[in-house]
Amino acid sequence: MNAVTKATLGLAAFVVVLGAVLWITTDRTYFAVFIVLGLLTGAGAWFTRPVAPSAGRPTPSSSEESE
């Protein structure tokens, strides 16, 4: 996992926690939007993260990429 993905997941977790704390302390239900958006952002970062190539699959050589 690269640094950008870690930062995105960390920020998404912060937004979810902030939304939950503000919802509990202020009793305003619109802070649930923070929770939902934080979860959607975290899910988007998780499912679109770059995955390292598996050890069994050969990677294309530079000559194949230029063709």
N, C-alpha and C. Protein backbone atom coordinates (compact mmCIF):
# COMPACT_ATOMS: atom_id res chain seq x y z
N MET A 1 0.86 -1.16 0.00
CA MET A 1 0.00 0.00 0.00
C MET A 1 0.91 1.23 0.00
N ASN A 2 0.63 2.16 -0.90
CA ASN A 2 1.49 3.33 -1.00
C ASN A 2 1.04 4.43 -0.04
N ALA A 3 1.82 5.49 0.02
CA ALA A 3 1.58 6.56 0.98
C ALA A 3 0.28 7.31 0.70
N VAL A 4 -0.08 7.45 -0.56
CA VAL A 4 -1.31 8.16 -0.90
C VAL A 4 -2.53 7.40 -0.40
N THR A 5 -2.52 6.09 -0.58
CA THR A 5 -3.64 5.27 -0.10
C THR A 5 -3.73 5.31 1.42
N LYS A 6 -2.59 5.24 2.08
CA LYS A 6 -2.59 5.32 3.54
C LYS A 6 -3.14 6.67 4.02
N ALA A 7 -2.74 7.73 3.36
CA ALA A 7 -3.22 9.06 3.74
C ALA A 7 -4.72 9.18 3.51
N THR A 8 -5.20 8.65 2.41
CA THR A 8 -6.64 8.71 2.11
C THR A 8 -7.45 7.92 3.12
N LEU A 9 -6.97 6.73 3.46
CA LEU A 9 -7.69 5.92 4.45
C LEU A 9 -7.64 6.57 5.83
N GLY A 10 -6.52 7.18 6.17
CA GLY A 10 -6.42 7.87 7.44
C GLY A 10 -7.35 9.07 7.52
N LEU A 11 -7.42 9.83 6.44
CA LEU A 11 -8.32 10.98 6.41
C LEU A 11 -9.79 10.53 6.45
N ALA A 12 -10.10 9.46 5.75
CA ALA A 12 -11.47 8.94 5.76
C ALA A 12 -11.85 8.47 7.17
N ALA A 13 -10.93 7.80 7.86
CA ALA A 13 -11.20 7.36 9.23
C ALA A 13 -11.40 8.57 10.14
N PHE A 14 -10.60 9.62 9.95
CA PHE A 14 -10.75 10.84 10.74
C PHE A 14 -12.13 11.46 10.52
N VAL A 15 -12.58 11.51 9.29
CA VAL A 15 -13.89 12.11 8.98
C VAL A 15 -15.01 11.28 9.61
N VAL A 16 -14.89 9.95 9.57
CA VAL A 16 -15.92 9.09 10.18
C VAL A 16 -15.97 9.31 11.69
N VAL A 17 -14.82 9.33 12.34
CA VAL A 17 -14.78 9.54 13.79
C VAL A 17 -15.29 10.93 14.14
N LEU A 18 -14.87 11.94 13.39
CA LEU A 18 -15.33 13.30 13.64
C LEU A 18 -16.85 13.40 13.49
N GLY A 19 -17.38 12.78 12.44
CA GLY A 19 -18.83 12.78 12.25
C GLY A 19 -19.56 12.11 13.38
N ALA A 20 -19.04 10.98 13.86
CA ALA A 20 -19.68 10.26 14.96
C ALA A 20 -19.63 11.08 16.25
N VAL A 21 -18.48 11.69 16.54
CA VAL A 21 -18.36 12.48 17.76
C VAL A 21 -19.27 13.70 17.71
N LEU A 22 -19.30 14.40 16.58
CA LEU A 22 -20.16 15.57 16.48
C LEU A 22 -21.64 15.19 16.52
N TRP A 23 -21.98 14.05 15.93
CA TRP A 23 -23.38 13.62 15.97
C TRP A 23 -23.80 13.31 17.40
N ILE A 24 -22.92 12.64 18.14
CA ILE A 24 -23.25 12.27 19.52
C ILE A 24 -23.30 13.51 20.42
N THR A 25 -22.33 14.40 20.27
CA THR A 25 -22.26 15.55 21.18
C THR A 25 -23.28 16.63 20.86
N THR A 26 -23.64 16.81 19.60
CA THR A 26 -24.58 17.88 19.25
C THR A 26 -26.00 17.38 19.01
N ASP A 27 -26.16 16.10 18.84
CA ASP A 27 -27.46 15.47 18.55
C ASP A 27 -28.07 16.00 17.26
N ARG A 28 -27.21 16.36 16.30
CA ARG A 28 -27.67 16.80 14.97
C ARG A 28 -27.44 15.65 14.00
N THR A 29 -28.52 15.18 13.39
CA THR A 29 -28.41 14.00 12.53
C THR A 29 -27.70 14.26 11.22
N TYR A 30 -27.54 15.52 10.82
CA TYR A 30 -26.87 15.77 9.54
C TYR A 30 -25.39 15.45 9.61
N PHE A 31 -24.83 15.22 10.79
CA PHE A 31 -23.44 14.78 10.88
C PHE A 31 -23.29 13.33 10.41
N ALA A 32 -24.40 12.63 10.23
CA ALA A 32 -24.34 11.28 9.66
C ALA A 32 -23.80 11.33 8.23
N VAL A 33 -23.96 12.46 7.58
CA VAL A 33 -23.41 12.63 6.23
C VAL A 33 -21.89 12.49 6.26
N PHE A 34 -21.25 13.01 7.30
CA PHE A 34 -19.80 12.85 7.45
C PHE A 34 -19.44 11.36 7.51
N ILE A 35 -20.21 10.61 8.25
CA ILE A 35 -19.93 9.18 8.40
C ILE A 35 -20.07 8.47 7.06
N VAL A 36 -21.16 8.74 6.36
CA VAL A 36 -21.40 8.09 5.08
C VAL A 36 -20.34 8.46 4.06
N LEU A 37 -20.02 9.75 3.95
CA LEU A 37 -19.01 10.17 2.98
C LEU A 37 -17.63 9.64 3.34
N GLY A 38 -17.31 9.58 4.62
CA GLY A 38 -16.04 9.00 5.04
C GLY A 38 -15.94 7.53 4.70
N LEU A 39 -17.03 6.81 4.89
CA LEU A 39 -17.04 5.38 4.54
C LEU A 39 -16.94 5.18 3.04
N LEU A 40 -17.63 6.00 2.27
CA LEU A 40 -17.55 5.88 0.81
C LEU A 40 -16.15 6.23 0.30
N THR A 41 -15.54 7.24 0.88
CA THR A 41 -14.18 7.61 0.49
C THR A 41 -13.19 6.51 0.83
N GLY A 42 -13.32 5.95 2.02
CA GLY A 42 -12.45 4.85 2.42
C GLY A 42 -12.63 3.62 1.56
N ALA A 43 -13.87 3.31 1.22
CA ALA A 43 -14.13 2.16 0.35
C ALA A 43 -13.57 2.40 -1.04
N GLY A 44 -13.73 3.61 -1.54
CA GLY A 44 -13.18 3.93 -2.86
C GLY A 44 -11.67 3.84 -2.88
N ALA A 45 -11.03 4.30 -1.82
CA ALA A 45 -9.56 4.21 -1.74
C ALA A 45 -9.12 2.76 -1.63
N TRP A 46 -9.86 1.97 -0.89
CA TRP A 46 -9.48 0.57 -0.70
C TRP A 46 -9.62 -0.23 -1.99
N PHE A 47 -10.73 -0.05 -2.70
CA PHE A 47 -10.98 -0.86 -3.89
C PHE A 47 -10.22 -0.38 -5.13
N THR A 48 -9.70 0.82 -5.11
CA THR A 48 -8.94 1.31 -6.26
C THR A 48 -7.45 1.40 -5.96
N ARG A 49 -7.00 0.81 -4.86
CA ARG A 49 -5.58 0.87 -4.50
C ARG A 49 -4.76 0.08 -5.51
N PRO A 50 -3.54 0.51 -5.75
CA PRO A 50 -2.68 -0.25 -6.66
C PRO A 50 -2.26 -1.56 -6.01
N VAL A 51 -2.36 -2.62 -6.77
CA VAL A 51 -2.01 -3.95 -6.27
C VAL A 51 -0.72 -4.37 -6.92
N ALA A 52 0.21 -4.89 -6.11
CA ALA A 52 1.49 -5.36 -6.65
C ALA A 52 1.24 -6.57 -7.54
N PRO A 53 1.99 -6.71 -8.62
CA PRO A 53 1.81 -7.88 -9.48
C PRO A 53 2.17 -9.16 -8.72
N SER A 54 1.45 -10.21 -9.01
CA SER A 54 1.72 -11.48 -8.32
C SER A 54 3.04 -12.05 -8.79
N ALA A 55 3.63 -12.89 -7.95
CA ALA A 55 4.95 -13.45 -8.25
C ALA A 55 4.90 -14.42 -9.43
N GLY A 56 3.76 -15.03 -9.67
CA GLY A 56 3.65 -16.04 -10.73
C GLY A 56 3.48 -15.46 -12.12
N ARG A 57 3.00 -14.23 -12.22
CA ARG A 57 2.75 -13.63 -13.53
C ARG A 57 3.97 -12.88 -14.02
N PRO A 58 4.40 -13.12 -15.23
CA PRO A 58 5.52 -12.34 -15.76
C PRO A 58 5.06 -10.94 -16.11
N THR A 59 5.93 -9.97 -15.88
CA THR A 59 5.63 -8.61 -16.26
C THR A 59 6.13 -8.35 -17.67
N PRO A 60 5.46 -7.51 -18.45
CA PRO A 60 5.92 -7.26 -19.82
C PRO A 60 7.29 -6.57 -19.81
N SER A 61 8.11 -6.94 -20.77
CA SER A 61 9.42 -6.31 -20.87
C SER A 61 9.28 -4.95 -21.53
N SER A 62 10.32 -4.16 -21.47
CA SER A 62 10.25 -2.81 -22.04
C SER A 62 10.08 -2.85 -23.56
N SER A 63 10.58 -3.88 -24.22
CA SER A 63 10.43 -3.96 -25.68
C SER A 63 8.97 -4.24 -26.07
N GLU A 64 8.24 -4.99 -25.23
CA GLU A 64 6.84 -5.27 -25.53
C GLU A 64 5.99 -4.02 -25.30
N GLU A 65 6.37 -3.18 -24.34
CA GLU A 65 5.59 -1.99 -24.04
C GLU A 65 5.70 -0.95 -25.14
N SER A 66 6.83 -0.88 -25.82
CA SER A 66 7.02 0.15 -26.84
C SER A 66 6.34 -0.19 -28.15
N GLU A 67 5.92 -1.42 -28.36
CA GLU A 67 5.29 -1.81 -29.61
C GLU A 67 3.85 -1.41 -29.67
